[in-house]
Protein backbone atom coordinates (compact mmCIF):
# COMPACT_ATOMS: atom_id res chain seq x y z
CA ALA A 1 23.28 26.38 66.97
CA ALA A 2 21.14 23.31 67.65
CA ASP A 3 21.08 24.12 71.37
CA GLY A 4 19.88 27.68 70.72
CA VAL A 5 23.21 29.37 71.43
CA PHE A 6 24.02 32.32 69.20
CA SER A 7 26.36 35.30 69.16
CA VAL A 8 26.00 38.86 67.92
CA ALA A 9 28.82 41.20 66.92
CA PHE A 10 28.40 44.93 66.32
CA ASN A 11 30.33 48.17 66.53
CA SER A 12 29.51 49.70 69.89
CA PRO A 13 29.14 53.44 70.49
CA ALA A 14 31.84 55.28 72.39
CA GLY A 15 31.56 55.10 76.16
CA GLY A 16 28.96 57.49 77.54
CA TYR A 17 25.84 57.89 79.65
CA ASP A 18 23.24 57.49 76.91
CA GLU A 19 21.03 54.46 77.55
CA TYR A 20 20.01 52.08 74.77
CA SER A 21 17.63 49.20 74.23
CA VAL A 22 18.86 46.10 72.42
CA VAL A 23 16.01 44.24 70.72
CA LEU A 24 16.50 40.57 69.80
CA ARG A 25 14.34 39.05 67.08
CA CYS A 26 14.11 35.57 65.61
CA ASN A 27 12.32 35.11 62.27
CA GLY A 28 10.92 38.60 62.66
CA SER A 29 9.48 38.04 66.15
CA GLU A 30 10.88 39.89 69.16
CA PHE A 31 11.77 37.52 72.00
CA ARG A 32 13.91 39.63 74.32
CA THR A 33 14.67 43.29 74.90
CA LEU A 34 17.66 44.42 76.93
CA LYS A 35 16.91 47.81 78.47
CA ARG A 36 19.04 50.61 79.90
CA VAL A 37 22.19 49.35 78.20
CA VAL A 38 25.19 51.66 78.51
CA PHE A 39 28.70 51.49 77.09
CA GLY A 40 31.85 52.01 79.12
CA GLU A 41 34.60 50.13 81.01
CA LEU A 42 34.11 46.49 82.05
CA TRP A 43 36.29 44.76 84.65
CA ILE A 44 36.43 41.39 86.41
CA ALA A 45 36.69 41.45 90.22
CA SER A 46 37.52 38.05 91.65
CA GLY A 47 39.59 36.00 94.06
CA GLN A 48 38.81 35.14 97.64
CA SER A 49 37.87 36.71 100.99
CA ASN A 50 39.23 40.26 100.79
CA MET A 51 37.70 40.70 97.34
CA MET A 52 34.43 39.09 98.37
CA TYR A 53 34.02 41.32 101.45
CA PRO A 54 30.71 43.07 100.72
CA LEU A 55 30.03 46.77 100.48
CA SER A 56 27.22 46.36 103.03
CA GLN A 57 29.83 45.66 105.74
CA ASP A 58 32.30 48.38 104.78
CA LYS A 59 32.66 50.98 107.55
CA ASP A 60 32.21 53.89 105.12
CA SER A 61 29.13 52.43 103.43
CA ILE A 62 27.24 50.55 106.13
CA GLY A 63 25.23 53.66 106.98
CA SER A 64 24.11 54.05 103.37
CA PHE A 65 23.24 50.36 103.29
CA VAL A 66 21.12 50.59 106.44
CA GLU A 67 19.33 53.66 105.07
CA GLY A 68 18.79 52.01 101.68
CA LYS A 69 20.57 54.85 99.89
CA PRO A 70 20.80 54.28 96.12
CA LEU A 71 24.22 54.46 94.46
CA SER A 72 25.18 55.61 90.96
CA LYS A 73 22.82 54.55 88.18
CA ASN A 74 25.86 54.37 85.93
CA LEU A 75 27.36 51.46 87.88
CA ARG A 76 26.50 48.06 86.38
CA VAL A 77 27.34 44.90 88.33
CA LEU A 78 26.88 41.24 87.50
CA LEU A 79 26.00 39.56 90.79
CA ILE A 80 26.21 35.79 91.01
CA PRO A 81 25.14 33.43 93.81
CA ASP A 82 27.81 32.17 96.20
CA TYR A 83 26.84 28.66 95.12
CA PRO A 84 25.24 28.58 91.66
CA GLU A 85 22.90 25.74 90.82
CA TYR A 86 24.13 22.97 88.55
CA LYS A 87 21.66 20.32 87.42
CA GLY A 88 19.17 21.87 89.83
CA SER A 89 21.44 21.52 92.87
CA LYS A 90 23.86 23.80 94.71
CA GLU A 91 25.74 20.73 95.95
CA LEU A 92 26.84 19.37 92.57
CA LEU A 93 29.99 20.71 90.89
CA PRO A 94 30.67 20.35 87.15
CA ALA A 95 33.82 18.80 85.70
CA ASP A 96 33.43 20.84 82.50
CA PRO A 97 33.41 24.59 81.87
CA GLN A 98 29.87 25.99 81.89
CA THR A 99 28.23 28.48 79.53
CA ASP A 100 25.95 30.21 82.04
CA ILE A 101 25.70 30.99 85.75
CA ASN A 102 22.28 30.11 87.11
CA GLY A 103 20.83 32.80 89.35
CA SER A 104 23.12 35.58 88.16
CA GLU A 105 21.71 39.03 87.44
CA TRP A 106 22.79 42.49 86.32
CA VAL A 107 21.93 45.34 88.69
CA THR A 108 22.56 49.07 88.68
CA GLY A 109 23.67 51.14 91.64
CA GLU A 110 20.01 52.07 92.20
CA ASN A 111 19.15 48.48 93.14
CA GLY A 112 19.49 47.64 96.85
CA LYS A 113 21.19 44.36 95.94
CA ILE A 114 24.23 46.38 94.86
CA TYR A 115 25.44 46.38 98.49
CA SER A 116 26.26 42.67 98.22
CA MET A 117 29.03 43.44 95.68
CA SER A 118 32.71 43.53 96.58
CA ALA A 119 33.60 46.68 98.51
CA VAL A 120 37.03 46.77 96.86
CA ALA A 121 35.42 46.51 93.42
CA TYR A 122 32.94 49.27 94.24
CA TYR A 123 35.61 51.79 95.23
CA PHE A 124 37.71 50.74 92.25
CA ALA A 125 34.77 51.29 89.89
CA SER A 126 34.00 54.67 91.48
CA GLU A 127 37.55 55.88 90.88
CA ILE A 128 37.57 54.61 87.29
CA GLN A 129 34.27 56.37 86.59
CA LYS A 130 35.57 59.66 87.99
CA GLU A 131 38.77 59.44 85.97
CA LEU A 132 37.25 58.38 82.63
CA ASP A 133 33.78 59.93 83.02
CA ILE A 134 32.00 56.89 81.57
CA PRO A 135 29.88 54.10 83.07
CA VAL A 136 31.73 51.18 84.68
CA GLY A 137 30.66 47.55 84.82
CA ILE A 138 31.95 44.91 87.26
CA LEU A 139 31.79 41.14 86.81
CA ASN A 140 31.59 40.31 90.53
CA VAL A 141 32.68 36.66 90.74
CA SER A 142 34.78 36.19 93.91
CA LEU A 143 34.36 33.45 96.51
CA GLY A 144 36.03 33.49 99.92
CA GLY A 145 38.37 30.72 101.02
CA THR A 146 39.17 29.43 97.53
CA ALA A 147 42.49 27.94 96.43
CA LEU A 148 44.23 29.43 93.41
CA ALA A 149 44.13 26.16 91.45
CA SER A 150 40.34 26.21 91.65
CA TRP A 151 40.35 29.24 89.33
CA LEU A 152 42.58 27.68 86.65
CA SER A 153 41.25 25.77 83.67
CA ARG A 154 42.13 22.14 83.08
CA GLU A 155 43.63 23.18 79.77
CA MET A 156 45.94 25.62 81.51
CA ILE A 157 46.97 23.13 84.22
CA ASP A 158 47.56 20.26 81.80
CA GLY A 159 49.55 22.57 79.55
CA ASP A 160 52.04 23.49 82.28
CA PRO A 161 54.22 20.55 83.40
CA GLU A 162 55.42 22.27 86.59
CA VAL A 163 51.98 23.26 87.85
CA LYS A 164 50.53 19.86 87.01
CA ALA A 165 53.47 18.05 88.62
CA TYR A 166 53.07 20.11 91.79
CA LEU A 167 49.36 19.32 92.05
CA GLU A 168 50.14 15.64 91.51
CA SER A 169 52.88 15.71 94.17
CA VAL A 170 50.48 17.02 96.82
CA GLY A 171 47.60 14.78 95.75
CA LYS A 172 45.49 17.64 94.39
CA TYR A 173 45.47 16.80 90.69
CA ILE A 174 42.10 15.33 89.70
CA LYS A 175 41.70 13.43 86.46
CA LYS A 176 38.50 14.24 84.68
CA SER A 177 37.57 10.56 84.80
CA ASP A 178 37.88 10.67 88.62
CA TRP A 179 35.69 13.76 89.05
CA LYS A 180 32.64 13.15 91.25
CA GLU A 181 30.05 15.90 90.94
CA ASP A 182 28.55 15.18 94.36
CA SER A 183 31.77 15.10 96.38
CA GLN A 184 34.16 17.74 94.97
CA ASN A 185 35.14 20.77 97.04
CA VAL A 186 34.24 24.23 95.70
CA TYR A 187 36.98 25.84 97.80
CA GLY A 188 39.97 23.63 97.16
CA ASP A 189 39.59 21.45 94.07
CA MET A 190 41.31 22.37 90.82
CA THR A 191 39.24 23.98 88.02
CA VAL A 192 35.95 24.08 89.94
CA ASN A 193 35.62 27.87 90.11
CA PHE A 194 36.95 28.32 86.61
CA ASN A 195 34.24 25.96 85.38
CA GLN A 196 31.41 27.67 87.29
CA ARG A 197 32.44 31.32 87.49
CA ILE A 198 35.02 32.21 84.85
CA ALA A 199 34.25 30.08 81.78
CA PRO A 200 30.66 31.41 81.51
CA LEU A 201 32.07 34.94 81.12
CA LYS A 202 33.92 34.15 77.90
CA GLY A 203 31.47 36.20 75.82
CA PHE A 204 32.45 39.38 77.65
CA ARG A 205 35.47 41.48 76.73
CA PRO A 206 36.68 43.11 79.97
CA VAL A 207 39.57 45.54 79.74
CA GLY A 208 41.23 44.02 82.82
CA MET A 209 40.82 42.36 86.18
CA ILE A 210 41.45 43.04 89.84
CA TRP A 211 42.21 39.95 91.91
CA TYR A 212 42.93 39.09 95.51
CA GLN A 213 44.29 35.69 96.47
CA GLY A 214 45.17 34.68 100.02
CA GLU A 215 48.74 34.51 101.27
CA ASN A 216 47.97 31.25 103.08
CA GLU A 217 48.98 29.55 99.83
CA CYS A 218 52.51 30.90 99.60
CA GLY A 219 54.36 29.33 102.54
CA GLY A 220 57.53 27.29 102.01
CA GLU A 221 60.24 27.54 99.36
CA PHE A 222 58.74 25.22 96.73
CA TRP A 223 55.18 26.32 97.32
CA THR A 224 56.24 29.96 96.89
CA LYS A 225 57.42 29.12 93.39
CA ALA A 226 54.28 27.09 92.65
CA TYR A 227 52.18 30.02 93.83
CA ALA A 228 54.04 32.38 91.51
CA ASP A 229 53.47 29.94 88.65
CA TYR A 230 49.77 29.85 89.51
CA LEU A 231 49.50 33.62 89.43
CA GLU A 232 51.15 33.80 86.01
CA LYS A 233 48.74 31.20 84.65
CA LEU A 234 45.81 32.97 86.27
CA GLY A 235 46.54 36.07 84.21
CA ASN A 236 46.54 34.00 81.04
CA THR A 237 43.40 32.00 81.89
């Protein structure tokens, strides 16, 4: 495309521990090589605090973290910053879905940064790897303290009259024309985490997701129903 975006489709090998290099060429010239690529299971791990809780603070892993012990080389994790940059700032929040997450990086279990991943996601990945005997990848995109509506797309919210009406009734529906990049709230405002953390992952094809969302959002009779509606839409987003 004019902006340089392109996609590649190919038949992948069966899941296994063989490592590959993917060489990208344009007009015959190599411009990027992806090394140590493996094929296996890919999952999204997201939500708020309990999912974000890092492996470095887990009681069973803190010793390994302090000692700098490497983990499995067959674990692949996409780590993203707590507050990705947008237009060169961590304070600005986009009204539109993004195509990339600035500052994100893939690491293996051998990289010390792996201990910043979700502890829940790590133990989940370990069990999956044992059961299937293939590498496991985690898209580690949680953020503590976030409201459920912040993870839903505008398209999903606008397409559901009940969810939209509820947000309007509590003063939390934000028209796109009213969006202010320098004053929105990354924890509570609708669509903000979908735009920054979920939309950029659309090129991946995970087999499923694990999600934790706080119970502080499900108090009261009407809110309980709204929360259930949110969760259903979350699965479809």
